[in-house]
Amino acid sequence: PTAVALVYISWEVDNGQDIWRPLPQTEYFEDGTL
């Protein structure tokens, strides 16, 4: 009952290494956000 979920997304790859970011993560576009 006290467990917490931590979620990460593979955001990009640099020299073959995944760069992980914690959620939430936002992408910005001219017509809005994702």
PDB file of all heavy atoms in Angstrom:
ATOM      1  N   PRO A   1       0.799  -1.233   0.000  1.00  0.00           N
ATOM      2  CA  PRO A   1       0.000   0.000   0.000  1.00  0.00           C
ATOM      3  C   PRO A   1       0.827   1.276   0.000  1.00  0.00           C
ATOM      4  O   PRO A   1       0.315   2.329  -0.340  1.00  0.00           O
ATOM      5  CB  PRO A   1      -0.828  -0.116   1.282  1.00  0.00           C
ATOM      6  CG  PRO A   1      -0.075  -1.050   2.155  1.00  0.00           C
ATOM      7  CD  PRO A   1       0.645  -1.995   1.236  1.00  0.00           C
ATOM      8  N   THR A   2       2.094   1.205   0.368  1.00  0.00           N
ATOM      9  CA  THR A   2       2.918   2.420   0.391  1.00  0.00           C
ATOM     10  C   THR A   2       3.895   2.487  -0.778  1.00  0.00           C
ATOM     11  O   THR A   2       4.748   3.364  -0.806  1.00  0.00           O
ATOM     12  CB  THR A   2       3.715   2.524   1.710  1.00  0.00           C
ATOM     13  OG1 THR A   2       4.645   1.440   1.777  1.00  0.00           O
ATOM     14  CG2 THR A   2       2.797   2.521   2.917  1.00  0.00           C
ATOM     15  N   ALA A   3       3.762   1.597  -1.743  1.00  0.00           N
ATOM     16  CA  ALA A   3       4.682   1.610  -2.886  1.00  0.00           C
ATOM     17  C   ALA A   3       4.395   2.803  -3.793  1.00  0.00           C
ATOM     18  O   ALA A   3       3.251   3.227  -3.953  1.00  0.00           O
ATOM     19  CB  ALA A   3       4.571   0.315  -3.677  1.00  0.00           C
ATOM     20  N   VAL A   4       5.457   3.322  -4.375  1.00  0.00           N
ATOM     21  CA  VAL A   4       5.374   4.444  -5.306  1.00  0.00           C
ATOM     22  C   VAL A   4       5.991   3.998  -6.619  1.00  0.00           C
ATOM     23  O   VAL A   4       7.072   3.398  -6.637  1.00  0.00           O
ATOM     24  CB  VAL A   4       6.154   5.661  -4.751  1.00  0.00           C
ATOM     25  CG1 VAL A   4       6.180   6.791  -5.747  1.00  0.00           C
ATOM     26  CG2 VAL A   4       5.554   6.122  -3.436  1.00  0.00           C
ATOM     27  N   ALA A   5       5.319   4.300  -7.727  1.00  0.00           N
ATOM     28  CA  ALA A   5       5.854   3.966  -9.049  1.00  0.00           C
ATOM     29  C   ALA A   5       6.681   5.143  -9.559  1.00  0.00           C
ATOM     30  O   ALA A   5       6.236   6.287  -9.531  1.00  0.00           O
ATOM     31  CB  ALA A   5       4.724   3.655 -10.026  1.00  0.00           C
ATOM     32  N   LEU A   6       7.887   4.843 -10.002  1.00  0.00           N
ATOM     33  CA  LEU A   6       8.743   5.813 -10.679  1.00  0.00           C
ATOM     34  C   LEU A   6       8.806   5.382 -12.131  1.00  0.00           C
ATOM     35  O   LEU A   6       9.072   4.221 -12.420  1.00  0.00           O
ATOM     36  CB  LEU A   6      10.144   5.802 -10.071  1.00  0.00           C
ATOM     37  CG  LEU A   6      10.245   5.995  -8.562  1.00  0.00           C
ATOM     38  CD1 LEU A   6      11.694   5.843  -8.106  1.00  0.00           C
ATOM     39  CD2 LEU A   6       9.689   7.342  -8.144  1.00  0.00           C
ATOM     40  N   VAL A   7       8.561   6.310 -13.051  1.00  0.00           N
ATOM     41  CA  VAL A   7       8.532   5.972 -14.473  1.00  0.00           C
ATOM     42  C   VAL A   7       9.494   6.887 -15.213  1.00  0.00           C
ATOM     43  O   VAL A   7       9.505   8.105 -15.007  1.00  0.00           O
ATOM     44  CB  VAL A   7       7.103   6.087 -15.052  1.00  0.00           C
ATOM     45  CG1 VAL A   7       7.094   5.755 -16.527  1.00  0.00           C
ATOM     46  CG2 VAL A   7       6.137   5.176 -14.294  1.00  0.00           C
ATOM     47  N   TYR A   8      10.265   6.279 -16.105  1.00  0.00           N
ATOM     48  CA  TYR A   8      11.259   6.986 -16.906  1.00  0.00           C
ATOM     49  C   TYR A   8      11.030   6.665 -18.370  1.00  0.00           C
ATOM     50  O   TYR A   8      10.608   5.563 -18.722  1.00  0.00           O
ATOM     51  CB  TYR A   8      12.679   6.566 -16.503  1.00  0.00           C
ATOM     52  CG  TYR A   8      12.969   6.839 -15.052  1.00  0.00           C
ATOM     53  CD1 TYR A   8      12.594   5.935 -14.061  1.00  0.00           C
ATOM     54  CD2 TYR A   8      13.582   8.024 -14.664  1.00  0.00           C
ATOM     55  CE1 TYR A   8      12.824   6.200 -12.723  1.00  0.00           C
ATOM     56  CE2 TYR A   8      13.824   8.297 -13.326  1.00  0.00           C
ATOM     57  CZ  TYR A   8      13.445   7.380 -12.360  1.00  0.00           C
ATOM     58  OH  TYR A   8      13.667   7.645 -11.037  1.00  0.00           O
ATOM     59  N   ILE A   9      11.337   7.621 -19.237  1.00  0.00           N
ATOM     60  CA  ILE A   9      11.214   7.434 -20.676  1.00  0.00           C
ATOM     61  C   ILE A   9      12.602   7.540 -21.306  1.00  0.00           C
ATOM     62  O   ILE A   9      13.422   8.366 -20.888  1.00  0.00           O
ATOM     63  CB  ILE A   9      10.241   8.476 -21.298  1.00  0.00           C
ATOM     64  CG1 ILE A   9      10.029   8.201 -22.789  1.00  0.00           C
ATOM     65  CG2 ILE A   9      10.712   9.892 -21.051  1.00  0.00           C
ATOM     66  CD1 ILE A   9       8.913   9.044 -23.417  1.00  0.00           C
ATOM     67  N   SER A  10      12.853   6.695 -22.299  1.00  0.00           N
ATOM     68  CA  SER A  10      14.096   6.811 -23.067  1.00  0.00           C
ATOM     69  C   SER A  10      13.929   8.025 -23.973  1.00  0.00           C
ATOM     70  O   SER A  10      13.209   7.985 -24.967  1.00  0.00           O
ATOM     71  CB  SER A  10      14.331   5.536 -23.878  1.00  0.00           C
ATOM     72  OG  SER A  10      15.494   5.679 -24.658  1.00  0.00           O
ATOM     73  N   TRP A  11      14.590   9.109 -23.593  1.00  0.00           N
ATOM     74  CA  TRP A  11      14.356  10.395 -24.251  1.00  0.00           C
ATOM     75  C   TRP A  11      15.161  10.553 -25.538  1.00  0.00           C
ATOM     76  O   TRP A  11      14.690  11.094 -26.520  1.00  0.00           O
ATOM     77  CB  TRP A  11      14.683  11.512 -23.271  1.00  0.00           C
ATOM     78  CG  TRP A  11      14.145  12.840 -23.687  1.00  0.00           C
ATOM     79  CD1 TRP A  11      14.865  13.910 -24.123  1.00  0.00           C
ATOM     80  CD2 TRP A  11      12.780  13.235 -23.703  1.00  0.00           C
ATOM     81  NE1 TRP A  11      14.028  14.954 -24.406  1.00  0.00           N
ATOM     82  CE2 TRP A  11      12.734  14.563 -24.158  1.00  0.00           C
ATOM     83  CE3 TRP A  11      11.587  12.598 -23.383  1.00  0.00           C
ATOM     84  CZ2 TRP A  11      11.537  15.265 -24.299  1.00  0.00           C
ATOM     85  CZ3 TRP A  11      10.397  13.299 -23.517  1.00  0.00           C
ATOM     86  CH2 TRP A  11      10.382  14.612 -23.968  1.00  0.00           C
ATOM     87  N   GLU A  12      16.403  10.095 -25.500  1.00  0.00           N
ATOM     88  CA  GLU A  12      17.260  10.154 -26.683  1.00  0.00           C
ATOM     89  C   GLU A  12      18.405   9.172 -26.488  1.00  0.00           C
ATOM     90  O   GLU A  12      18.574   8.605 -25.421  1.00  0.00           O
ATOM     91  CB  GLU A  12      17.781  11.570 -26.917  1.00  0.00           C
ATOM     92  CG  GLU A  12      18.647  12.111 -25.797  1.00  0.00           C
ATOM     93  CD  GLU A  12      19.033  13.565 -26.004  1.00  0.00           C
ATOM     94  OE1 GLU A  12      19.243  13.971 -27.162  1.00  0.00           O
ATOM     95  OE2 GLU A  12      19.144  14.285 -25.007  1.00  0.00           O
ATOM     96  N   VAL A  13      19.184   8.993 -27.548  1.00  0.00           N
ATOM     97  CA  VAL A  13      20.348   8.115 -27.479  1.00  0.00           C
ATOM     98  C   VAL A  13      21.570   8.950 -27.821  1.00  0.00           C
ATOM     99  O   VAL A  13      21.584   9.669 -28.818  1.00  0.00           O
ATOM    100  CB  VAL A  13      20.204   6.917 -28.451  1.00  0.00           C
ATOM    101  CG1 VAL A  13      21.445   6.042 -28.406  1.00  0.00           C
ATOM    102  CG2 VAL A  13      18.956   6.107 -28.112  1.00  0.00           C
ATOM    103  N   ASP A  14      22.598   8.862 -26.959  1.00  0.00           N
ATOM    104  CA  ASP A  14      23.826   9.607 -27.151  1.00  0.00           C
ATOM    105  C   ASP A  14      24.989   8.617 -27.151  1.00  0.00           C
ATOM    106  O   ASP A  14      25.244   7.975 -26.136  1.00  0.00           O
ATOM    107  CB  ASP A  14      23.993  10.640 -26.027  1.00  0.00           C
ATOM    108  CG  ASP A  14      25.218  11.517 -26.199  1.00  0.00           C
ATOM    109  OD1 ASP A  14      25.692  11.679 -27.352  1.00  0.00           O
ATOM    110  OD2 ASP A  14      25.720  12.032 -25.184  1.00  0.00           O
ATOM    111  N   ASN A  15      25.671   8.494 -28.292  1.00  0.00           N
ATOM    112  CA  ASN A  15      26.780   7.545 -28.434  1.00  0.00           C
ATOM    113  C   ASN A  15      26.388   6.132 -28.017  1.00  0.00           C
ATOM    114  O   ASN A  15      27.126   5.453 -27.300  1.00  0.00           O
ATOM    115  CB  ASN A  15      28.005   8.000 -27.635  1.00  0.00           C
ATOM    116  CG  ASN A  15      28.655   9.228 -28.225  1.00  0.00           C
ATOM    117  OD1 ASN A  15      28.658   9.416 -29.440  1.00  0.00           O
ATOM    118  ND2 ASN A  15      29.201  10.073 -27.380  1.00  0.00           N
ATOM    119  N   GLY A  16      25.188   5.720 -28.406  1.00  0.00           N
ATOM    120  CA  GLY A  16      24.718   4.372 -28.101  1.00  0.00           C
ATOM    121  C   GLY A  16      24.154   4.189 -26.710  1.00  0.00           C
ATOM    122  O   GLY A  16      23.734   3.091 -26.355  1.00  0.00           O
ATOM    123  N   GLN A  17      24.144   5.242 -25.900  1.00  0.00           N
ATOM    124  CA  GLN A  17      23.625   5.171 -24.531  1.00  0.00           C
ATOM    125  C   GLN A  17      22.260   5.844 -24.453  1.00  0.00           C
ATOM    126  O   GLN A  17      22.102   6.987 -24.899  1.00  0.00           O
ATOM    127  CB  GLN A  17      24.582   5.868 -23.562  1.00  0.00           C
ATOM    128  CG  GLN A  17      25.926   5.226 -23.433  1.00  0.00           C
ATOM    129  CD  GLN A  17      25.847   3.902 -22.696  1.00  0.00           C
ATOM    130  OE1 GLN A  17      25.052   3.720 -21.792  1.00  0.00           O
ATOM    131  NE2 GLN A  17      26.671   2.961 -23.106  1.00  0.00           N
ATOM    132  N   ASP A  18      21.277   5.141 -23.872  1.00  0.00           N
ATOM    133  CA  ASP A  18      19.969   5.746 -23.655  1.00  0.00           C
ATOM    134  C   ASP A  18      20.068   6.836 -22.602  1.00  0.00           C
ATOM    135  O   ASP A  18      20.723   6.668 -21.575  1.00  0.00           O
ATOM    136  CB  ASP A  18      18.949   4.706 -23.186  1.00  0.00           C
ATOM    137  CG  ASP A  18      18.470   3.815 -24.318  1.00  0.00           C
ATOM    138  OD1 ASP A  18      18.192   4.345 -25.406  1.00  0.00           O
ATOM    139  OD2 ASP A  18      18.358   2.595 -24.102  1.00  0.00           O
ATOM    140  N   ILE A  19      19.411   7.958 -22.868  1.00  0.00           N
ATOM    141  CA  ILE A  19      19.268   9.038 -21.903  1.00  0.00           C
ATOM    142  C   ILE A  19      17.852   8.908 -21.346  1.00  0.00           C
ATOM    143  O   ILE A  19      16.872   9.030 -22.081  1.00  0.00           O
ATOM    144  CB  ILE A  19      19.446  10.422 -22.560  1.00  0.00           C
ATOM    145  CG1 ILE A  19      20.772  10.515 -23.315  1.00  0.00           C
ATOM    146  CG2 ILE A  19      19.272  11.527 -21.531  1.00  0.00           C
ATOM    147  CD1 ILE A  19      21.997  10.414 -22.452  1.00  0.00           C
ATOM    148  N   TRP A  20      17.759   8.633 -20.050  1.00  0.00           N
ATOM    149  CA  TRP A  20      16.472   8.413 -19.393  1.00  0.00           C
ATOM    150  C   TRP A  20      16.043   9.664 -18.649  1.00  0.00           C
ATOM    151  O   TRP A  20      16.845  10.289 -17.957  1.00  0.00           O
ATOM    152  CB  TRP A  20      16.557   7.243 -18.421  1.00  0.00           C
ATOM    153  CG  TRP A  20      16.843   5.953 -19.102  1.00  0.00           C
ATOM    154  CD1 TRP A  20      18.068   5.373 -19.275  1.00  0.00           C
ATOM    155  CD2 TRP A  20      15.906   5.091 -19.732  1.00  0.00           C
ATOM    156  NE1 TRP A  20      17.941   4.198 -19.959  1.00  0.00           N
ATOM    157  CE2 TRP A  20      16.617   3.991 -20.258  1.00  0.00           C
ATOM    158  CE3 TRP A  20      14.535   5.126 -19.898  1.00  0.00           C
ATOM    159  CZ2 TRP A  20      15.998   2.962 -20.933  1.00  0.00           C
ATOM    160  CZ3 TRP A  20      13.908   4.094 -20.577  1.00  0.00           C
ATOM    161  CH2 TRP A  20      14.633   3.025 -21.083  1.00  0.00           C
ATOM    162  N   ARG A  21      14.752  10.009 -18.797  1.00  0.00           N
ATOM    163  CA  ARG A  21      14.197  11.147 -18.070  1.00  0.00           C
ATOM    164  C   ARG A  21      12.968  10.687 -17.284  1.00  0.00           C
ATOM    165  O   ARG A  21      12.198   9.862 -17.769  1.00  0.00           O
ATOM    166  CB  ARG A  21      13.772  12.254 -19.032  1.00  0.00           C
ATOM    167  CG  ARG A  21      14.922  12.982 -19.681  1.00  0.00           C
ATOM    168  CD  ARG A  21      14.396  14.186 -20.413  1.00  0.00           C
ATOM    169  NE  ARG A  21      15.458  14.969 -21.001  1.00  0.00           N
ATOM    170  CZ  ARG A  21      15.247  16.054 -21.729  1.00  0.00           C
ATOM    171  NH1 ARG A  21      14.008  16.479 -21.939  1.00  0.00           N
ATOM    172  NH2 ARG A  21      16.254  16.717 -22.234  1.00  0.00           N
ATOM    173  N   PRO A  22      12.763  11.265 -16.106  1.00  0.00           N
ATOM    174  CA  PRO A  22      11.578  10.903 -15.331  1.00  0.00           C
ATOM    175  C   PRO A  22      10.319  11.536 -15.922  1.00  0.00           C
ATOM    176  O   PRO A  22      10.381  12.634 -16.490  1.00  0.00           O
ATOM    177  CB  PRO A  22      11.873  11.474 -13.943  1.00  0.00           C
ATOM    178  CG  PRO A  22      12.782  12.627 -14.205  1.00  0.00           C
ATOM    179  CD  PRO A  22      13.608  12.230 -15.409  1.00  0.00           C
ATOM    180  N   LEU A  23       9.207  10.850 -15.798  1.00  0.00           N
ATOM    181  CA  LEU A  23       7.936  11.433 -16.228  1.00  0.00           C
ATOM    182  C   LEU A  23       7.370  12.285 -15.095  1.00  0.00           C
ATOM    183  O   LEU A  23       7.610  11.984 -13.921  1.00  0.00           O
ATOM    184  CB  LEU A  23       6.937  10.337 -16.584  1.00  0.00           C
ATOM    185  CG  LEU A  23       7.251   9.499 -17.816  1.00  0.00           C
ATOM    186  CD1 LEU A  23       6.048   8.635 -18.170  1.00  0.00           C
ATOM    187  CD2 LEU A  23       7.667  10.319 -19.013  1.00  0.00           C
ATOM    188  N   PRO A  24       6.623  13.338 -15.464  1.00  0.00           N
ATOM    189  CA  PRO A  24       6.220  13.728 -16.811  1.00  0.00           C
ATOM    190  C   PRO A  24       7.337  14.474 -17.548  1.00  0.00           C
ATOM    191  O   PRO A  24       8.183  15.105 -16.933  1.00  0.00           O
ATOM    192  CB  PRO A  24       5.040  14.650 -16.566  1.00  0.00           C
ATOM    193  CG  PRO A  24       5.231  15.192 -15.191  1.00  0.00           C
ATOM    194  CD  PRO A  24       5.974  14.138 -14.427  1.00  0.00           C
ATOM    195  N   GLN A  25       7.290  14.375 -18.880  1.00  0.00           N
ATOM    196  CA  GLN A  25       8.216  15.104 -19.756  1.00  0.00           C
ATOM    197  C   GLN A  25       7.394  15.808 -20.830  1.00  0.00           C
ATOM    198  O   GLN A  25       6.433  15.255 -21.356  1.00  0.00           O
ATOM    199  CB  GLN A  25       9.212  14.159 -20.431  1.00  0.00           C
ATOM    200  CG  GLN A  25      10.339  13.726 -19.532  1.00  0.00           C
ATOM    201  CD  GLN A  25      11.235  14.873 -19.098  1.00  0.00           C
ATOM    202  OE1 GLN A  25      11.599  15.741 -19.882  1.00  0.00           O
ATOM    203  NE2 GLN A  25      11.591  14.860 -17.823  1.00  0.00           N
ATOM    204  N   THR A  26       7.784  17.024 -21.162  1.00  0.00           N
ATOM    205  CA  THR A  26       7.030  17.850 -22.095  1.00  0.00           C
ATOM    206  C   THR A  26       7.846  18.161 -23.342  1.00  0.00           C
ATOM    207  O   THR A  26       9.030  18.489 -23.246  1.00  0.00           O
ATOM    208  CB  THR A  26       6.619  19.182 -21.421  1.00  0.00           C
ATOM    209  OG1 THR A  26       5.892  18.895 -20.232  1.00  0.00           O
ATOM    210  CG2 THR A  26       5.768  20.034 -22.345  1.00  0.00           C
ATOM    211  N   GLU A  27       7.199  18.048 -24.488  1.00  0.00           N
ATOM    212  CA  GLU A  27       7.748  18.492 -25.781  1.00  0.00           C
ATOM    213  C   GLU A  27       6.963  19.734 -26.191  1.00  0.00           C
ATOM    214  O   GLU A  27       5.727  19.760 -26.071  1.00  0.00           O
ATOM    215  CB  GLU A  27       7.555  17.416 -26.860  1.00  0.00           C
ATOM    216  CG  GLU A  27       8.534  16.292 -26.811  1.00  0.00           C
ATOM    217  CD  GLU A  27       9.862  16.627 -27.498  1.00  0.00           C
ATOM    218  OE1 GLU A  27      10.000  17.702 -28.103  1.00  0.00           O
ATOM    219  OE2 GLU A  27      10.755  15.786 -27.418  1.00  0.00           O
ATOM    220  N   TYR A  28       7.656  20.749 -26.684  1.00  0.00           N
ATOM    221  CA  TYR A  28       7.008  21.995 -27.083  1.00  0.00           C
ATOM    222  C   TYR A  28       7.011  22.103 -28.605  1.00  0.00           C
ATOM    223  O   TYR A  28       8.045  21.912 -29.244  1.00  0.00           O
ATOM    224  CB  TYR A  28       7.729  23.192 -26.462  1.00  0.00           C
ATOM    225  CG  TYR A  28       7.671  23.174 -24.957  1.00  0.00           C
ATOM    226  CD1 TYR A  28       8.692  22.588 -24.210  1.00  0.00           C
ATOM    227  CD2 TYR A  28       6.588  23.725 -24.291  1.00  0.00           C
ATOM    228  CE1 TYR A  28       8.636  22.556 -22.833  1.00  0.00           C
ATOM    229  CE2 TYR A  28       6.523  23.697 -22.894  1.00  0.00           C
ATOM    230  CZ  TYR A  28       7.543  23.105 -22.181  1.00  0.00           C
ATOM    231  OH  TYR A  28       7.484  23.060 -20.818  1.00  0.00           O
ATOM    232  N   PHE A  29       5.840  22.422 -29.152  1.00  0.00           N
ATOM    233  CA  PHE A  29       5.672  22.617 -30.588  1.00  0.00           C
ATOM    234  C   PHE A  29       5.064  24.001 -30.812  1.00  0.00           C
ATOM    235  O   PHE A  29       4.540  24.614 -29.870  1.00  0.00           O
ATOM    236  CB  PHE A  29       4.725  21.553 -31.169  1.00  0.00           C
ATOM    237  CG  PHE A  29       5.215  20.143 -30.994  1.00  0.00           C
ATOM    238  CD1 PHE A  29       4.833  19.389 -29.885  1.00  0.00           C
ATOM    239  CD2 PHE A  29       6.050  19.551 -31.933  1.00  0.00           C
ATOM    240  CE1 PHE A  29       5.276  18.095 -29.719  1.00  0.00           C
ATOM    241  CE2 PHE A  29       6.490  18.256 -31.774  1.00  0.00           C
ATOM    242  CZ  PHE A  29       6.107  17.518 -30.669  1.00  0.00           C
ATOM    243  N   GLU A  30       5.100  24.467 -32.054  1.00  0.00           N
ATOM    244  CA  GLU A  30       4.507  25.769 -32.361  1.00  0.00           C
ATOM    245  C   GLU A  30       3.020  25.798 -32.062  1.00  0.00           C
ATOM    246  O   GLU A  30       2.478  26.826 -31.659  1.00  0.00           O
ATOM    247  CB  GLU A  30       4.757  26.131 -33.830  1.00  0.00           C
ATOM    248  CG  GLU A  30       6.183  26.516 -34.122  1.00  0.00           C
ATOM    249  CD  GLU A  30       6.390  26.924 -35.569  1.00  0.00           C
ATOM    250  OE1 GLU A  30       5.389  27.221 -36.266  1.00  0.00           O
ATOM    251  OE2 GLU A  30       7.548  26.954 -35.990  1.00  0.00           O
ATOM    252  N   ASP A  31       2.351  24.659 -32.261  1.00  0.00           N
ATOM    253  CA  ASP A  31       0.894  24.628 -32.077  1.00  0.00           C
ATOM    254  C   ASP A  31       0.461  23.956 -30.771  1.00  0.00           C
ATOM    255  O   ASP A  31      -0.695  23.578 -30.619  1.00  0.00           O
ATOM    256  CB  ASP A  31       0.211  23.977 -33.273  1.00  0.00           C
ATOM    257  CG  ASP A  31       0.762  22.603 -33.604  1.00  0.00           C
ATOM    258  OD1 ASP A  31       1.857  22.272 -33.136  1.00  0.00           O
ATOM    259  OD2 ASP A  31       0.088  21.854 -34.333  1.00  0.00           O
ATOM    260  N   GLY A  32       1.377  23.794 -29.822  1.00  0.00           N
ATOM    261  CA  GLY A  32       0.960  23.245 -28.532  1.00  0.00           C
ATOM    262  C   GLY A  32       2.044  22.427 -27.859  1.00  0.00           C
ATOM    263  O   GLY A  32       3.204  22.421 -28.269  1.00  0.00           O
ATOM    264  N   THR A  33       1.641  21.707 -26.840  1.00  0.00           N
ATOM    265  CA  THR A  33       2.568  20.888 -26.067  1.00  0.00           C
ATOM    266  C   THR A  33       2.124  19.429 -26.077  1.00  0.00           C
ATOM    267  O   THR A  33       0.942  19.118 -26.200  1.00  0.00           O
ATOM    268  CB  THR A  33       2.631  21.352 -24.600  1.00  0.00           C
ATOM    269  OG1 THR A  33       1.326  21.275 -24.022  1.00  0.00           O
ATOM    270  CG2 THR A  33       3.181  22.750 -24.484  1.00  0.00           C
ATOM    271  N   LEU A  34       3.097  18.570 -25.939  1.00  0.00           N
ATOM    272  CA  LEU A  34       2.871  17.136 -25.777  1.00  0.00           C
ATOM    273  C   LEU A  34       3.523  16.737 -24.466  1.00  0.00           C
ATOM    274  O   LEU A  34       4.697  17.036 -24.239  1.00  0.00           O
ATOM    275  CB  LEU A  34       3.514  16.351 -26.930  1.00  0.00           C
ATOM    276  CG  LEU A  34       3.648  14.842 -26.723  1.00  0.00           C
ATOM    277  CD1 LEU A  34       2.285  14.173 -26.638  1.00  0.00           C
ATOM    278  CD2 LEU A  34       4.478  14.234 -27.840  1.00  0.00           C
TER     279      LEU A  34
END
